Protein backbone atom coordinates (compact mmCIF):
# COMPACT_ATOMS: atom_id res chain seq x y z
CA UNK A 1 -13.30 -17.57 13.20
CA UNK A 2 -15.40 -20.74 13.01
CA UNK A 3 -13.80 -21.98 16.22
CA UNK A 4 -14.61 -18.68 17.92
CA UNK A 5 -18.27 -18.93 16.88
CA UNK A 6 -18.47 -22.51 18.10
CA UNK A 7 -16.90 -21.63 21.45
CA UNK A 8 -19.26 -18.69 21.88
CA UNK A 9 -22.42 -20.69 21.24
CA UNK A 10 -21.30 -23.79 23.12
CA UNK A 11 -21.10 -21.92 26.44
CA UNK A 12 -23.87 -20.77 28.74
CA UNK A 13 -24.28 -17.89 31.14
CA UNK A 14 -23.71 -20.13 34.15
CA UNK A 15 -20.39 -21.56 35.13
CA UNK A 16 -16.78 -20.47 34.97
CA UNK A 17 -15.04 -17.59 33.26
CA UNK A 18 -14.73 -19.50 30.01
CA UNK A 19 -18.49 -19.89 29.84
CA UNK A 20 -19.08 -16.16 30.21
CA UNK A 21 -16.69 -15.14 27.44
CA UNK A 22 -18.20 -13.05 24.65
CA UNK A 23 -17.66 -13.32 20.92
CA UNK A 24 -14.85 -10.73 20.87
CA UNK A 25 -13.10 -12.60 23.69
CA UNK A 26 -13.21 -15.87 21.77
CA UNK A 27 -12.00 -14.15 18.61
CA UNK A 28 -9.05 -12.88 20.59
CA UNK A 29 -8.32 -16.30 22.04
CA UNK A 30 -8.28 -17.81 18.58
CA UNK A 31 -5.87 -15.08 17.44
CA UNK A 32 -8.37 -14.17 14.72
CA UNK A 33 -8.89 -10.57 15.80
CA UNK A 34 -5.16 -10.05 15.09
CA UNK A 35 -4.57 -8.45 18.48
CA UNK A 36 -1.37 -10.45 18.61
CA UNK A 37 -0.54 -9.78 15.00
CA UNK A 38 0.10 -6.47 13.23
CA UNK A 39 -1.87 -4.55 15.88
CA UNK A 40 -5.41 -3.90 17.12
CA UNK A 41 -5.98 -0.99 14.74
CA UNK A 42 -5.52 -2.85 11.45
CA UNK A 43 -8.27 -3.02 8.88
CA UNK A 44 -8.02 -6.83 8.93
CA UNK A 45 -9.01 -6.95 12.60
CA UNK A 46 -12.01 -4.72 11.95
CA UNK A 47 -13.15 -6.76 8.94
CA UNK A 48 -12.95 -10.04 10.84
CA UNK A 49 -14.88 -8.67 13.80
CA UNK A 50 -17.59 -7.33 11.50
CA UNK A 51 -17.75 -10.65 9.64
CA UNK A 52 -18.18 -12.66 12.85
CA UNK A 53 -20.77 -10.28 14.31
CA UNK A 54 -22.62 -10.16 10.99
CA UNK A 55 -22.88 -13.93 10.90
CA UNK A 56 -24.23 -13.97 14.46
CA UNK A 57 -26.87 -11.39 13.56
CA UNK A 58 -28.03 -13.65 10.70
CA UNK A 59 -27.53 -16.93 12.56
CA UNK A 60 -31.19 -17.93 12.51
CA UNK A 61 -31.60 -17.32 8.79
CA UNK A 62 -28.28 -18.98 7.97
CA UNK A 63 -29.31 -22.05 9.95
CA UNK A 64 -32.67 -22.15 8.20
CA UNK A 65 -30.91 -22.01 4.83
CA UNK A 66 -28.72 -24.93 5.82
CA UNK A 67 -31.74 -26.97 6.88
CA UNK A 68 -33.57 -26.09 3.68
CA UNK A 69 -30.71 -27.44 1.57
CA UNK A 70 -29.42 -30.37 3.55
CA UNK A 71 -30.37 -33.99 3.00
CA UNK A 72 -29.43 -37.12 4.91
CA UNK A 73 -27.16 -38.04 2.05
CA UNK A 74 -25.13 -34.82 2.26
CA UNK A 75 -25.31 -33.89 5.95
CA UNK A 76 -22.46 -35.26 8.09
CA UNK A 77 -23.60 -33.70 11.37
CA UNK A 78 -26.57 -33.82 13.72
CA UNK A 79 -28.47 -30.54 14.19
CA UNK A 80 -30.66 -29.05 16.91
CA UNK A 81 -33.92 -27.26 16.21
CA UNK A 82 -32.54 -23.72 16.41
CA UNK A 83 -28.81 -23.50 17.06
CA UNK A 84 -26.05 -25.83 15.98
CA UNK A 85 -22.51 -25.30 17.22
CA UNK A 86 -20.76 -28.00 15.21
CA UNK A 87 -17.54 -26.68 13.67
CA UNK A 88 -18.50 -27.68 10.13
CA UNK A 89 -21.88 -26.03 10.54
CA UNK A 90 -20.29 -22.80 11.78
CA UNK A 91 -17.95 -22.77 8.78
CA UNK A 92 -20.87 -23.39 6.43
CA UNK A 93 -22.90 -20.55 7.91
CA UNK A 94 -19.94 -18.23 7.63
CA UNK A 95 -19.61 -19.20 3.99
CA UNK A 96 -23.29 -18.48 3.34
CA UNK A 97 -22.98 -15.13 5.09
CA UNK A 98 -20.02 -14.18 2.91
CA UNK A 99 -21.83 -15.30 -0.24
CA UNK A 100 -24.82 -13.12 0.59
CA UNK A 101 -22.61 -10.12 1.25
CA UNK A 102 -20.31 -10.68 -1.76
CA UNK A 103 -22.13 -12.58 -4.56
CA UNK A 104 -19.59 -11.35 -7.12
CA UNK A 105 -16.84 -13.26 -5.28
CA UNK A 106 -18.74 -16.54 -5.03
CA UNK A 107 -16.10 -18.75 -6.65
CA UNK A 108 -13.32 -17.52 -4.38
CA UNK A 109 -15.46 -17.76 -1.23
CA UNK A 110 -16.45 -21.36 -1.97
CA UNK A 111 -12.86 -22.35 -2.69
CA UNK A 112 -11.62 -20.77 0.54
CA UNK A 113 -14.39 -22.36 2.61
CA UNK A 114 -13.63 -25.80 1.22
CA UNK A 115 -9.90 -25.36 1.80
CA UNK A 116 -10.59 -24.28 5.37
CA UNK A 117 -12.87 -27.28 5.92
CA UNK A 118 -10.11 -29.66 4.84
CA UNK A 119 -7.92 -28.23 7.60
CA UNK A 120 -10.30 -27.70 10.54
CA UNK A 121 -13.26 -30.02 9.88
CA UNK A 122 -12.01 -33.09 7.98
CA UNK A 123 -14.76 -35.01 6.23
CA UNK A 124 -17.03 -31.99 5.75
CA UNK A 125 -15.37 -30.41 2.71
CA UNK A 126 -17.63 -32.14 0.17
CA UNK A 127 -20.75 -31.33 2.15
CA UNK A 128 -19.80 -27.65 2.46
CA UNK A 129 -18.85 -27.44 -1.21
CA UNK A 130 -22.19 -28.93 -2.31
CA UNK A 131 -24.36 -26.66 -0.19
CA UNK A 132 -22.49 -23.44 -0.95
CA UNK A 133 -22.66 -24.10 -4.69
CA UNK A 134 -26.34 -24.98 -4.46
CA UNK A 135 -26.99 -21.71 -2.61
CA UNK A 136 -25.24 -19.83 -5.42
CA UNK A 137 -27.61 -21.40 -7.95
CA UNK A 138 -30.87 -21.16 -5.95
CA UNK A 139 -30.26 -18.14 -3.77
CA UNK A 140 -33.44 -16.13 -4.36
CA UNK A 141 -35.80 -19.09 -4.02
CA UNK A 142 -34.09 -20.39 -0.88
CA UNK A 143 -34.09 -17.01 0.85
CA UNK A 144 -37.77 -16.41 0.01
CA UNK A 145 -38.63 -19.84 1.38
CA UNK A 146 -36.89 -19.51 4.74
CA UNK A 147 -38.04 -15.94 5.42
CA UNK A 148 -41.52 -17.31 6.02
CA UNK A 149 -40.19 -18.67 9.33
CA UNK A 150 -39.99 -16.19 12.28
CA UNK A 151 -36.61 -17.57 13.35
CA UNK A 152 -35.14 -16.81 9.93
CA UNK A 153 -36.92 -13.48 9.48
CA UNK A 154 -35.98 -11.98 12.86
CA UNK A 155 -32.84 -13.95 13.74
CA UNK A 156 -33.87 -14.52 17.34
CA UNK A 157 -34.85 -17.74 19.15
CA UNK A 158 -38.58 -18.43 18.96
CA UNK A 159 -39.06 -18.19 22.74
CA UNK A 160 -37.52 -14.69 22.66
CA UNK A 161 -39.80 -13.55 19.83
CA UNK A 162 -42.91 -14.92 21.50
CA UNK A 163 -42.01 -13.29 24.80
CA UNK A 164 -41.59 -9.88 23.20
CA UNK A 165 -44.90 -10.28 21.35
CA UNK A 166 -46.61 -10.95 24.69
CA UNK A 167 -44.93 -8.14 26.65
CA UNK A 168 -44.91 -5.46 23.92
CA UNK A 169 -47.76 -6.28 21.51
CA UNK A 170 -47.50 -2.86 19.83
CA UNK A 171 -43.71 -2.51 19.70
CA UNK A 172 -42.14 -5.97 19.57
CA UNK A 173 -41.13 -5.55 15.93
CA UNK A 174 -39.29 -2.33 16.79
CA UNK A 175 -37.28 -4.18 19.44
CA UNK A 176 -36.29 -6.96 17.03
CA UNK A 177 -35.64 -4.64 14.10
CA UNK A 178 -33.25 -2.53 16.20
CA UNK A 179 -30.97 -5.56 16.59
CA UNK A 180 -30.70 -6.43 12.90
CA UNK A 181 -27.80 -4.13 12.08
CA UNK A 182 -24.61 -2.99 13.83
CA UNK A 183 -24.92 -0.50 16.67
CA UNK A 184 -23.17 2.87 16.42
CA UNK A 185 -20.12 3.67 18.48
CA UNK A 186 -21.58 6.09 21.01
CA UNK A 187 -19.34 8.45 22.95
CA UNK A 188 -20.04 10.41 26.12
CA UNK A 189 -17.98 13.57 26.17
CA UNK A 190 -16.22 14.21 29.48
CA UNK A 191 -17.85 17.51 30.36
CA UNK A 192 -15.11 18.24 32.92
CA UNK A 193 -12.50 18.21 30.15
CA UNK A 194 -14.27 19.37 27.00
CA UNK A 195 -17.62 20.53 25.63
CA UNK A 196 -19.46 18.42 23.07
CA UNK A 197 -19.27 21.22 20.51
CA UNK A 198 -15.50 21.54 20.89
CA UNK A 199 -14.99 17.79 20.59
CA UNK A 200 -17.25 17.56 17.55
CA UNK A 201 -15.06 20.14 15.83
CA UNK A 202 -11.96 18.16 16.74
CA UNK A 203 -13.43 14.97 15.27
CA UNK A 204 -14.34 16.73 12.03
CA UNK A 205 -10.87 18.26 11.77
CA UNK A 206 -9.40 14.76 12.15
CA UNK A 207 -11.49 13.47 9.22
CA UNK A 208 -14.30 11.72 11.13
CA UNK A 209 -18.00 12.16 10.45
CA UNK A 210 -19.71 12.38 13.85
CA UNK A 211 -23.41 12.80 14.48
CA UNK A 212 -24.84 14.44 17.58
CA UNK A 213 -28.40 13.62 18.72
CA UNK A 214 -30.59 16.67 19.11
CA UNK A 215 -33.74 17.38 21.09
CA UNK A 216 -37.08 16.49 19.58
CA UNK A 217 -39.68 19.04 18.42
CA UNK A 218 -40.38 21.53 21.21
CA UNK A 219 -37.83 19.95 23.53
CA UNK A 220 -35.31 21.95 25.52
CA UNK A 221 -31.70 21.81 24.26
CA UNK A 222 -30.08 18.53 25.19
CA UNK A 223 -33.37 16.74 25.81
CA UNK A 224 -35.24 14.28 23.63
CA UNK A 225 -38.75 13.06 24.43
CA UNK A 226 -39.30 9.34 23.81
CA UNK A 227 -42.26 7.01 24.43
CA UNK A 228 -42.16 4.48 27.24
CA UNK A 229 -42.94 0.82 26.67
CA UNK A 230 -46.41 0.72 28.19
CA UNK A 231 -49.13 2.43 26.11
CA UNK A 232 -50.88 5.23 27.96
CA UNK A 233 -47.87 6.11 30.12
CA UNK A 234 -46.38 9.59 29.76
CA UNK A 235 -43.24 9.96 27.71
CA UNK A 236 -39.82 10.19 29.30
CA UNK A 237 -36.99 12.48 28.36
CA UNK A 238 -33.57 11.31 27.21
CA UNK A 239 -30.57 13.42 28.14
CA UNK A 240 -28.54 13.65 24.94
CA UNK A 241 -26.31 16.68 25.45
CA UNK A 242 -23.05 14.75 25.97
CA UNK A 243 -23.61 12.05 23.32
CA UNK A 244 -21.92 11.63 19.94
CA UNK A 245 -22.54 8.86 17.37
CA UNK A 246 -19.83 7.47 15.11
CA UNK A 247 -19.64 4.71 12.53
CA UNK A 248 -19.89 1.24 14.18
CA UNK A 249 -16.46 0.28 12.82
CA UNK A 250 -14.72 3.21 14.53
CA UNK A 251 -11.95 2.33 16.96
CA UNK A 252 -12.16 4.55 20.08
CA UNK A 253 -8.47 4.13 20.91
CA UNK A 254 -7.41 5.98 17.74
CA UNK A 255 -9.90 8.85 18.13
CA UNK A 256 -8.45 12.25 18.98
CA UNK A 257 -8.36 12.97 22.69
CA UNK A 258 -8.55 9.36 23.87
CA UNK A 259 -5.38 9.55 25.96
CA UNK A 260 -6.42 12.99 27.19
CA UNK A 261 -9.61 11.54 28.67
CA UNK A 262 -11.95 13.67 26.56
CA UNK A 263 -14.58 10.94 26.22
CA UNK A 264 -15.85 7.52 27.25
CA UNK A 265 -17.59 4.89 25.17
CA UNK A 266 -21.12 4.48 26.51
CA UNK A 267 -24.46 3.83 24.85
CA UNK A 268 -27.04 6.61 25.04
CA UNK A 269 -29.44 4.47 27.10
CA UNK A 270 -26.71 3.69 29.63
CA UNK A 271 -25.89 7.41 29.86
CA UNK A 272 -29.30 8.01 31.42
CA UNK A 273 -28.27 6.32 34.69
CA UNK A 274 -26.10 9.22 35.81
CA UNK A 275 -28.84 11.77 35.21
CA UNK A 276 -31.59 9.68 36.82
CA UNK A 277 -29.59 9.23 40.03
CA UNK A 278 -29.46 13.03 40.49
CA UNK A 279 -25.92 13.29 41.89
CA UNK A 280 -25.14 16.49 43.79
CA UNK A 281 -21.98 18.01 45.18
CA UNK A 282 -21.03 16.57 48.54
CA UNK A 283 -23.27 13.50 48.41
CA UNK A 284 -21.95 10.03 49.18
CA UNK A 285 -22.78 7.70 46.28
CA UNK A 286 -22.43 3.93 45.92
CA UNK A 287 -22.10 2.25 42.52
CA UNK A 288 -22.76 -1.30 43.71
CA UNK A 289 -21.91 -3.21 40.49
CA UNK A 290 -19.44 -0.72 39.13
CA UNK A 291 -17.27 -2.51 36.55
CA UNK A 292 -16.46 -1.61 33.82
CA UNK A 293 -16.87 1.86 35.32
CA UNK A 294 -18.82 3.80 32.70
CA UNK A 295 -21.57 4.88 35.09
CA UNK A 296 -19.07 5.51 37.89
CA UNK A 297 -17.15 7.97 35.76
CA UNK A 298 -20.33 9.68 34.60
CA UNK A 299 -21.41 10.33 38.18
CA UNK A 300 -18.06 11.96 38.89
CA UNK A 301 -18.33 14.08 35.76
CA UNK A 302 -21.78 15.32 36.75
CA UNK A 303 -21.05 16.35 40.36
CA UNK A 304 -18.31 16.66 42.98
CA UNK A 305 -19.60 13.71 44.94
CA UNK A 306 -17.87 10.98 46.92
CA UNK A 307 -18.27 7.83 44.83
CA UNK A 308 -17.66 4.35 46.21
CA UNK A 309 -17.37 1.74 43.46
CA UNK A 310 -17.92 -1.94 44.33
CA UNK A 311 -17.80 -5.02 42.14
CA UNK A 312 -17.34 -8.75 42.65
CA UNK A 313 -14.60 -8.98 40.00
CA UNK A 314 -11.22 -7.66 41.09
CA UNK A 315 -9.91 -7.91 37.51
CA UNK A 316 -12.74 -5.78 36.13
CA UNK A 317 -12.34 -3.28 38.95
CA UNK A 318 -8.68 -2.78 38.07
CA UNK A 319 -9.60 -2.13 34.44
CA UNK A 320 -12.29 0.35 35.52
CA UNK A 321 -9.84 2.14 37.81
CA UNK A 322 -7.37 2.45 34.92
CA UNK A 323 -10.07 4.00 32.73
CA UNK A 324 -11.00 6.52 35.44
CA UNK A 325 -7.37 7.61 35.68
CA UNK A 326 -7.44 8.24 31.92
CA UNK A 327 -10.43 10.54 32.52
CA UNK A 328 -8.73 12.34 35.40
CA UNK A 329 -11.27 11.03 37.94
CA UNK A 330 -11.03 9.08 41.18
CA UNK A 331 -13.36 6.82 43.15
CA UNK A 332 -13.09 4.59 46.22
CA UNK A 333 -12.71 1.08 44.77
CA UNK A 334 -13.57 -2.10 46.64
CA UNK A 335 -14.13 -5.73 45.75
CA UNK A 336 -17.51 -6.70 47.18
CA UNK A 337 -19.93 -9.61 46.85
CA UNK A 338 -23.39 -8.19 47.50
CA UNK A 339 -24.75 -11.63 48.38
CA UNK A 340 -21.91 -12.87 50.58
CA UNK A 341 -23.04 -14.69 53.70
CA UNK A 342 -21.05 -12.31 55.90
CA UNK A 343 -22.93 -9.32 54.52
CA UNK A 344 -21.78 -6.15 52.80
CA UNK A 345 -18.22 -4.94 53.34
CA UNK A 346 -17.31 -2.44 56.01
CA UNK A 347 -17.36 1.21 55.03
CA UNK A 348 -19.81 4.09 55.15
CA UNK A 349 -22.96 3.10 57.01
CA UNK A 350 -25.23 5.02 54.64
CA UNK A 351 -25.25 6.48 51.14
CA UNK A 352 -27.48 9.28 49.85
CA UNK A 353 -27.48 7.68 46.41
CA UNK A 354 -27.09 4.04 45.36
CA UNK A 355 -26.85 2.70 41.82
CA UNK A 356 -27.57 -1.01 41.31
CA UNK A 357 -26.85 -1.97 37.71
CA UNK A 358 -27.85 -5.58 38.34
CA UNK A 359 -26.67 -8.66 36.43
CA UNK A 360 -29.27 -9.72 33.86
CA UNK A 361 -29.84 -11.44 30.52
CA UNK A 362 -28.47 -8.37 28.67
CA UNK A 363 -31.42 -8.74 26.28
CA UNK A 364 -31.47 -4.98 25.72
CA UNK A 365 -27.99 -5.00 24.14
CA UNK A 366 -28.50 -8.00 21.84
CA UNK A 367 -27.95 -5.75 18.84
CA UNK A 368 -24.54 -4.65 20.10
CA UNK A 369 -23.58 -8.19 21.20
CA UNK A 370 -25.44 -10.50 18.80
CA UNK A 371 -24.20 -13.72 20.39
CA UNK A 372 -26.30 -13.00 23.50
CA UNK A 373 -29.58 -14.03 21.87
CA UNK A 374 -28.24 -17.50 21.01
CA UNK A 375 -26.69 -18.14 24.40
CA UNK A 376 -29.61 -17.27 26.66
CA UNK A 377 -32.24 -19.74 27.85
CA UNK A 378 -35.69 -18.75 29.18
CA UNK A 379 -35.07 -20.44 32.52
CA UNK A 380 -32.26 -17.99 33.27
CA UNK A 381 -34.73 -15.12 33.69
CA UNK A 382 -36.18 -16.53 36.91
CA UNK A 383 -32.69 -17.07 38.31
CA UNK A 384 -31.79 -13.46 37.49
CA UNK A 385 -35.05 -12.27 39.08
CA UNK A 386 -34.18 -13.94 42.38
CA UNK A 387 -30.61 -12.63 42.28
CA UNK A 388 -31.73 -9.07 41.55
CA UNK A 389 -34.28 -9.04 44.37
CA UNK A 390 -31.66 -10.33 46.78
CA UNK A 391 -29.29 -7.55 45.76
CA UNK A 392 -31.97 -4.90 46.29
CA UNK A 393 -32.75 -6.30 49.73
CA UNK A 394 -29.06 -6.33 50.66
CA UNK A 395 -28.46 -2.72 49.59
CA UNK A 396 -31.63 -1.06 50.88
CA UNK A 397 -30.47 -0.84 54.54
CA UNK A 398 -27.41 1.13 53.37
CA UNK A 399 -29.58 3.81 51.73
CA UNK A 400 -29.95 6.89 53.91
CA UNK A 401 -33.48 8.11 54.81
CA UNK A 402 -34.68 10.33 52.00
CA UNK A 403 -32.04 8.82 49.71
CA UNK A 404 -32.51 7.55 46.16
CA UNK A 405 -31.67 4.08 44.81
CA UNK A 406 -31.62 3.61 41.04
CA UNK A 407 -32.29 0.04 39.91
CA UNK A 408 -31.02 -0.59 36.38
CA UNK A 409 -30.74 -3.54 34.01
CA UNK A 410 -29.84 -3.69 30.33
CA UNK A 411 -32.84 -5.96 29.78
CA UNK A 412 -36.20 -5.64 28.03
CA UNK A 413 -37.82 -8.55 29.91
CA UNK A 414 -40.32 -7.83 32.69
CA UNK A 415 -38.94 -10.58 34.97
CA UNK A 416 -35.72 -8.59 35.26
CA UNK A 417 -37.35 -5.16 35.42
CA UNK A 418 -40.77 -4.11 36.61
CA UNK A 419 -41.59 -7.48 38.18
CA UNK A 420 -38.47 -7.30 40.35
CA UNK A 421 -39.32 -3.77 41.46
CA UNK A 422 -42.99 -4.60 42.08
CA UNK A 423 -42.07 -7.59 44.26
CA UNK A 424 -39.53 -5.54 46.20
CA UNK A 425 -41.92 -2.64 46.68
CA UNK A 426 -44.63 -4.93 48.05
CA UNK A 427 -42.40 -5.95 50.96
CA UNK A 428 -40.62 -2.63 51.65
CA UNK A 429 -42.71 -0.39 53.93
CA UNK A 430 -40.24 2.54 53.99
CA UNK A 431 -40.30 2.93 50.20
CA UNK A 432 -41.99 6.11 48.99
CA UNK A 433 -44.88 5.47 46.58
CA UNK A 434 -44.62 1.75 47.27
CA UNK A 435 -47.65 0.97 45.12
CA UNK A 436 -46.27 2.62 41.97
CA UNK A 437 -42.49 3.00 41.92
CA UNK A 438 -41.16 5.18 39.14
CA UNK A 439 -40.03 2.78 36.40
CA UNK A 440 -38.95 3.30 32.81
CA UNK A 441 -38.64 0.56 30.17
CA UNK A 442 -36.50 2.14 27.48
CA UNK A 443 -36.73 -0.07 24.39
CA UNK A 444 -33.92 -0.38 21.79
CA UNK A 445 -34.15 2.18 19.01
CA UNK A 446 -32.40 2.72 15.66
CA UNK A 447 -34.66 5.50 14.42
CA UNK A 448 -32.57 7.93 12.43
CA UNK A 449 -30.97 10.42 14.79
CA UNK A 450 -31.96 8.52 17.94
CA UNK A 451 -30.01 5.31 18.49
CA UNK A 452 -29.70 3.45 21.78
CA UNK A 453 -29.89 0.04 23.45
CA UNK A 454 -32.65 -1.26 25.72
CA UNK A 455 -32.63 -0.55 29.47
CA UNK A 456 -34.95 -0.64 32.45
CA UNK A 457 -34.69 1.97 35.19
CA UNK A 458 -36.59 2.37 38.45
CA UNK A 459 -36.05 5.16 40.97
CA UNK A 460 -36.71 3.99 44.54
CA UNK A 461 -36.71 6.64 47.23
CA UNK A 462 -36.60 5.85 50.95
CA UNK A 463 -38.94 7.70 53.28
CA UNK A 464 -37.59 10.27 55.70
CA UNK A 465 -37.54 9.18 59.32
């Protein structure tokens, strides 16, 4: 597990496939997730995944604890200001995380950490033993000391915290707090195969404890009013009628009806894309960055439309196509690079609806994928901004007059959301309401019965000829 954490933090968003691998991917490569052992459904696999993700969520505080205890005499490694990816340091932070979660098993945890250090990080065993035992003796004082630092309190890089404070002065703490614990497993019931009520009953009969989000006070059934990010703007409405929440540790593959295609795994915020695009029977729709296919399948569940699904990754497209077959749905799949010098691939000249779920920092899903916050750098946001604008400009000519393009990113940063749309609108004369395109910054939420990631949506409609 320590090697997986090191590999995750040592990579960046730019570069080859290895660099883009997530924490679960590295756990798999290290054979720690046990996918090549007894099976992917074992309790051991779940425990190890939760342990690794839990350490990542506390990475800032764990690092601050290490720095508070270390001395030149005991520290064998060099450390950066915020994130260290040295193997011994990763093992030490894992040990501290386990001690905090299981103080009654301190002796065993220390012994196991030291034994592991002797095997994977020679020369660090004494250092790790000394610091873990010191933490056991001085735990309360050390934790109180480091929590005075924003990095340790919020477990996000300082640049990220400061940026949220600037962009959302009234709600930045909500955004950070939503990422402190594990995200629920959120299902979207396949309305073509089953109703939510029928599937809820099936889950209960199988011994699960599902929760279904309901509409807020005075809301119509299936709707939930939520505030937008900018104060003074009217509230938006979440469509919740197909969503079901389950315990974060739930494995979707073993849920009833998985092989029958009764549901997909999709966060509630991501479920809004299908509704916002307003698919209708008979329309030609393009999902321009389709993999892994969650939004593609939702569009097909909502209407009998002709969906074309493009993505730059052939491997991810094949996985998405397999998932659609499980759901009993079909789309027109095509590998496509939206920014290729030769232009967009041949095919339909125009689409009545286009969905662009653009590549971004994924800052809105940092609670679900805690390694994201430690891998991102502020300079990446400008690069994403340029890429996203270029994709919008490439797709706009393919949108039919009167058609609707939905721009989406799983980001909470303005550079990847409203600033992209504002810049595009300023140079697009055939955009309806060019001065104020309809945007929605949906911030992460873990407020009781309403739980979702962060997303930005903008609906861009082309003028009729």
